[in-house]
Amino acid sequence: MMEALFAHPESSVMFTLALVALVLVSIFKEDFFRPSTLYFLVQMVMLGVSYLQFLPMMSDFNYSTWLVWGGGMFCFLVGCYVTDFAWKSSGGPPLQKKLEVHGEYNWVCHFFLSFSAFAYFFVGVLGVISVAGNLVLLTDNPSQWLTGKDNDVLKYADFFTSGAMVVGLFAVASFKSMNPVRWVRYASRCMVVFTILLSFATYPSRGINMLCLGMFMILFNYLRGRFSWRSLAVVTVFVCIFFVAVASLKGQYGNSDVTDSKIAKEVALLPYKYVANNYWNLDYAFNRYSDIPEHDWTYGIDAFFGVTHLLHIGDGLQTNFGWDTPFNESVVKYTGLNTIPYLWDAYKDFGLPGIFLLPFFFGVLFTFCYHRMAVAKNPFMLLLTATFMMWIILWNFTTGYKQSMYWVWMSFFFFVCTVSSGKRSILPADPAVVGEIPEQDCGDHEIACECK
């Protein structure tokens, strides 16, 4: 490992910068899930790992690729810092360590409306059962349904990939810092656990189930207590173990057991492939061979694929115009490893300006939503920010705004939170926030004041 670091100084520099950022965040007790911090850490660590070049396909970046990658990150960070400055200049309050709802909110209504999102997700569960005969995890050969992009189970993907949406809606109601209604908290916790387990059994995919856990982890960070670097290290180890377990389930290690010494190297290399392929595809996309045609400009139309797909016209547009599908056919350097950072989508949708303007726009948007959580009157801004944080984490693999499931999530978040806002629940919101129950009267309202 040390030899690899010395052989690849790029990795050494990036790991050092990531370590310095972690130390500074720990010393100043900042939030790891602040948009600027998270983007920087994710990019430094993932490109640093990729540049170890365990596989020859991860070739050195061309200068143009460094400009794209570095320019995109610079513009995103500028957008974040401009918004930070504007928020502080306008007298905006800092983010609390434990978020609260600043106004009346009907948590009972929120709880029951969240089942509308669960019903949407459950349509996918029933669809998978109708095709596979059972939940995929419980079938005789799960790998049959987990490999390939043409199997019939994926017809219900828009539905069963929404488990994280359900987890988010019930998770925000699970913490007493935000929700004083005890029975709703306990029932919501049961629904969070049940949904995560059902999502995994329905379709044990790495991405889908990491979204469920990621949504809960981000909400936990804002509602229960901020994560330390030690907690993040434990989570990283868990993710690696989960990755290997699912790969074994999908048959990606062949018929051998993952403990077999003969495939120990492949066990280590497969996670590396899934990280590094994003960057070698990015370099390949911007520096293709002369005999490979350039991808056509989409005039910004394909940027709205997440919406047009739901309208059942997005796939037809891609086919008729010869544009790539979400599997990025034109830039795949190695068959089966077809993910690429969002900067490629920014380029093919908006041209060269998109590489710099789109990250700046998202830096402004994400940071604005992050600060708005401090004064939000319902959980919508928190759920929206948690979704955006997962976009940042997964931007090396997928382009969040072009995935239809996220548009469905945001629609349900808005519906549930808006309908539940401004209505008195059976119990009021936190008395310290609403100001309806004097501090000295807490003894007469022990249930309503238990969140203190």
Foldseek 3Di string as FASTA:
>chain_A
DVVLCVVQVLLVVLVVVLVVLQVVCQVVVHFCLQPLNVLSNLVSNLVSLLSSCPDVLLDDFDPVLCCLVVLLSVLLNVLQVVLVVVCVVVVFDFADQAFEFQAWFALVLLLVLLVVLVVQLVVLLVLLCVQQVHQLLPGPQSLVVQDDDPGPSCVSVLRNLLLLLSLLSLLLCQFLRYHLQVVSNVVSVVSLVVSLVSSCRNRVDLVSSVSSVLSNVLNCSHHPGGDHVVNVVVVVVVSLVSVLVVCVSNCVQPPDDCVPPVCVVVSVCVVSLLSNQQSSLSSCLVVPDPVQDHAAAPQLPLLQLLVVVVVVCSVVVCVVVVHDDQQQVSRRPDPPNRFYACLVVLCSHPNPVSSNVVSSVLSNVLSVLVSCSNHHNWCLSVSVNSLSSVCSNCRSGGRVNNHNSVVVSSVSSCVSGVVRGPDHYPATTQCVSHVPDDPVCCVVVVSNNVSD
